[in-house]
Amino acid sequence: MRAQTRISDISETGLFIEGITPVPAGAVLKLRFTLPNGRLIEVDGRVAHSQPSIGMGIEFINLKPEDARSISALA
């Protein structure tokens, strides 16, 4: 399933996705998003926690080191 969502928090370890119908904790997702600098990130993530009508926290599984550096530079 594809969905356009909003990321409200991001770090080298994961992110929070806002959404009304988040998926259950433990689910593995394929994520694809673009950073403000234009860099495309493609990474797998595991839902660490899910809050109905709020969103879900995602832990990155296989983030590439160069992508982690790009995310770190956002701070």
N, C-alpha and C. Protein backbone atom coordinates (compact mmCIF):
# COMPACT_ATOMS: atom_id res chain seq x y z
N MET A 1 0.84 -1.18 0.00
CA MET A 1 0.00 0.00 0.00
C MET A 1 0.88 1.24 0.00
N ARG A 2 0.54 2.20 -0.82
CA ARG A 2 1.26 3.47 -0.87
C ARG A 2 0.43 4.51 -0.14
N ALA A 3 1.13 5.39 0.54
CA ALA A 3 0.42 6.46 1.23
C ALA A 3 1.33 7.68 1.32
N GLN A 4 0.75 8.85 1.14
CA GLN A 4 1.48 10.08 1.38
C GLN A 4 1.17 10.50 2.81
N THR A 5 2.22 10.72 3.57
CA THR A 5 2.06 11.05 4.98
C THR A 5 2.98 12.21 5.32
N ARG A 6 2.92 12.62 6.57
CA ARG A 6 3.78 13.70 7.04
C ARG A 6 4.72 13.17 8.11
N ILE A 7 6.00 13.47 7.95
CA ILE A 7 7.01 13.11 8.95
C ILE A 7 7.15 14.31 9.88
N SER A 8 6.94 14.08 11.18
CA SER A 8 7.03 15.21 12.11
C SER A 8 8.30 15.20 12.94
N ASP A 9 9.06 14.14 12.89
CA ASP A 9 10.31 14.05 13.66
C ASP A 9 11.19 13.02 12.97
N ILE A 10 12.48 13.32 12.82
CA ILE A 10 13.39 12.38 12.17
C ILE A 10 14.77 12.47 12.80
N SER A 11 15.41 11.31 12.92
CA SER A 11 16.79 11.24 13.40
C SER A 11 17.47 10.09 12.67
N GLU A 12 18.72 9.81 13.01
CA GLU A 12 19.46 8.73 12.37
C GLU A 12 18.90 7.35 12.74
N THR A 13 18.11 7.28 13.80
CA THR A 13 17.58 5.98 14.24
C THR A 13 16.16 5.72 13.79
N GLY A 14 15.42 6.77 13.41
CA GLY A 14 14.05 6.55 12.99
C GLY A 14 13.29 7.84 12.81
N LEU A 15 11.97 7.71 12.72
CA LEU A 15 11.13 8.87 12.49
C LEU A 15 9.73 8.64 13.03
N PHE A 16 8.95 9.72 13.09
CA PHE A 16 7.55 9.62 13.49
C PHE A 16 6.71 10.06 12.31
N ILE A 17 5.73 9.21 11.94
CA ILE A 17 4.83 9.50 10.84
C ILE A 17 3.45 9.81 11.41
N GLU A 18 2.95 11.00 11.10
CA GLU A 18 1.60 11.37 11.53
C GLU A 18 0.58 10.69 10.62
N GLY A 19 -0.51 10.23 11.21
CA GLY A 19 -1.55 9.61 10.41
C GLY A 19 -2.71 9.14 11.26
N ILE A 20 -3.88 9.14 10.67
CA ILE A 20 -5.09 8.74 11.38
C ILE A 20 -5.16 7.24 11.59
N THR A 21 -4.66 6.47 10.63
CA THR A 21 -4.76 5.00 10.71
C THR A 21 -3.38 4.36 10.62
N PRO A 22 -2.57 4.47 11.68
CA PRO A 22 -1.24 3.87 11.64
C PRO A 22 -1.33 2.34 11.66
N VAL A 23 -0.27 1.70 11.18
CA VAL A 23 -0.23 0.24 11.20
C VAL A 23 0.23 -0.24 12.57
N PRO A 24 -0.03 -1.50 12.90
CA PRO A 24 0.30 -2.02 14.23
C PRO A 24 1.81 -2.08 14.51
N ALA A 25 2.15 -2.00 15.78
CA ALA A 25 3.53 -2.17 16.21
C ALA A 25 4.05 -3.52 15.75
N GLY A 26 5.32 -3.54 15.33
CA GLY A 26 5.95 -4.76 14.85
C GLY A 26 5.93 -4.91 13.35
N ALA A 27 5.05 -4.21 12.66
CA ALA A 27 4.98 -4.29 11.20
C ALA A 27 6.25 -3.72 10.58
N VAL A 28 6.67 -4.30 9.47
CA VAL A 28 7.84 -3.81 8.74
C VAL A 28 7.35 -3.12 7.47
N LEU A 29 7.88 -1.91 7.23
CA LEU A 29 7.46 -1.09 6.11
C LEU A 29 8.65 -0.73 5.23
N LYS A 30 8.40 -0.55 3.95
CA LYS A 30 9.39 0.01 3.04
C LYS A 30 9.09 1.49 2.95
N LEU A 31 10.06 2.31 3.31
CA LEU A 31 9.87 3.76 3.33
C LEU A 31 10.66 4.41 2.20
N ARG A 32 10.06 5.43 1.63
CA ARG A 32 10.73 6.22 0.60
C ARG A 32 10.31 7.66 0.82
N PHE A 33 11.30 8.54 1.08
CA PHE A 33 11.00 9.94 1.32
C PHE A 33 12.17 10.80 0.87
N THR A 34 11.88 12.07 0.66
CA THR A 34 12.89 13.01 0.20
C THR A 34 13.18 14.02 1.30
N LEU A 35 14.46 14.21 1.59
CA LEU A 35 14.88 15.19 2.58
C LEU A 35 14.77 16.60 1.98
N PRO A 36 14.75 17.64 2.83
CA PRO A 36 14.67 19.02 2.31
C PRO A 36 15.78 19.37 1.33
N ASN A 37 16.94 18.70 1.44
CA ASN A 37 18.05 18.98 0.52
C ASN A 37 17.91 18.24 -0.81
N GLY A 38 16.80 17.50 -0.98
CA GLY A 38 16.56 16.79 -2.23
C GLY A 38 17.02 15.35 -2.26
N ARG A 39 17.71 14.90 -1.22
CA ARG A 39 18.21 13.51 -1.18
C ARG A 39 17.05 12.54 -0.96
N LEU A 40 16.96 11.54 -1.83
CA LEU A 40 15.95 10.50 -1.71
C LEU A 40 16.46 9.42 -0.77
N ILE A 41 15.66 9.06 0.22
CA ILE A 41 16.00 8.01 1.17
C ILE A 41 15.06 6.83 0.94
N GLU A 42 15.61 5.65 0.81
CA GLU A 42 14.84 4.41 0.73
C GLU A 42 15.38 3.48 1.80
N VAL A 43 14.51 3.09 2.74
CA VAL A 43 14.95 2.32 3.90
C VAL A 43 13.78 1.47 4.41
N ASP A 44 14.10 0.35 5.01
CA ASP A 44 13.08 -0.45 5.69
C ASP A 44 12.96 0.07 7.12
N GLY A 45 11.76 -0.04 7.66
CA GLY A 45 11.55 0.39 9.04
C GLY A 45 10.57 -0.51 9.76
N ARG A 46 10.75 -0.63 11.06
CA ARG A 46 9.86 -1.43 11.90
C ARG A 46 9.05 -0.48 12.77
N VAL A 47 7.74 -0.69 12.83
CA VAL A 47 6.89 0.16 13.65
C VAL A 47 7.19 -0.16 15.12
N ALA A 48 7.75 0.81 15.82
CA ALA A 48 8.12 0.62 17.23
C ALA A 48 6.92 0.86 18.14
N HIS A 49 6.10 1.85 17.80
CA HIS A 49 4.86 2.11 18.56
C HIS A 49 3.85 2.75 17.63
N SER A 50 2.59 2.49 17.92
CA SER A 50 1.50 2.96 17.09
C SER A 50 0.42 3.58 17.96
N GLN A 51 -0.03 4.78 17.60
CA GLN A 51 -1.05 5.48 18.38
C GLN A 51 -2.21 5.85 17.46
N PRO A 52 -3.36 5.17 17.60
CA PRO A 52 -4.50 5.46 16.73
C PRO A 52 -4.84 6.96 16.71
N SER A 53 -5.16 7.45 15.54
CA SER A 53 -5.52 8.85 15.29
C SER A 53 -4.37 9.83 15.50
N ILE A 54 -3.16 9.34 15.78
CA ILE A 54 -2.01 10.22 15.99
C ILE A 54 -0.89 9.88 15.01
N GLY A 55 -0.42 8.62 15.03
CA GLY A 55 0.66 8.23 14.14
C GLY A 55 1.45 7.05 14.67
N MET A 56 2.67 6.92 14.15
CA MET A 56 3.49 5.77 14.54
C MET A 56 4.97 6.13 14.51
N GLY A 57 5.70 5.55 15.46
CA GLY A 57 7.14 5.69 15.52
C GLY A 57 7.78 4.55 14.76
N ILE A 58 8.72 4.87 13.88
CA ILE A 58 9.37 3.88 13.03
C ILE A 58 10.86 3.84 13.36
N GLU A 59 11.38 2.64 13.55
CA GLU A 59 12.81 2.42 13.77
C GLU A 59 13.42 1.96 12.46
N PHE A 60 14.47 2.66 11.97
CA PHE A 60 15.13 2.25 10.74
C PHE A 60 15.82 0.91 10.93
N ILE A 61 15.76 0.06 9.91
CA ILE A 61 16.39 -1.26 9.98
C ILE A 61 17.73 -1.28 9.24
N ASN A 62 17.77 -0.69 8.05
CA ASN A 62 18.97 -0.81 7.21
C ASN A 62 19.36 0.52 6.59
N LEU A 63 19.40 1.58 7.38
CA LEU A 63 19.75 2.90 6.86
C LEU A 63 21.22 2.92 6.45
N LYS A 64 21.49 3.37 5.24
CA LYS A 64 22.86 3.47 4.73
C LYS A 64 23.60 4.57 5.48
N PRO A 65 24.89 4.37 5.72
CA PRO A 65 25.67 5.39 6.45
C PRO A 65 25.61 6.78 5.82
N GLU A 66 25.64 6.87 4.50
CA GLU A 66 25.58 8.18 3.84
C GLU A 66 24.20 8.84 4.03
N ASP A 67 23.15 8.02 4.11
CA ASP A 67 21.82 8.56 4.38
C ASP A 67 21.72 9.04 5.83
N ALA A 68 22.33 8.29 6.74
CA ALA A 68 22.35 8.70 8.15
C ALA A 68 23.07 10.04 8.30
N ARG A 69 24.15 10.25 7.57
CA ARG A 69 24.87 11.52 7.63
C ARG A 69 24.00 12.67 7.09
N SER A 70 23.26 12.40 6.02
CA SER A 70 22.37 13.44 5.46
C SER A 70 21.27 13.80 6.45
N ILE A 71 20.72 12.81 7.13
CA ILE A 71 19.69 13.08 8.14
C ILE A 71 20.28 13.83 9.32
N SER A 72 21.46 13.45 9.75
CA SER A 72 22.12 14.12 10.87
C SER A 72 22.39 15.59 10.56
N ALA A 73 22.68 15.90 9.31
CA ALA A 73 22.99 17.27 8.91
C ALA A 73 21.76 18.17 8.97
N LEU A 74 20.57 17.60 9.10
CA LEU A 74 19.35 18.42 9.19
C LEU A 74 19.24 19.16 10.51
N ALA A 75 19.88 18.65 11.54
CA ALA A 75 19.76 19.23 12.88
C ALA A 75 20.44 20.57 13.01
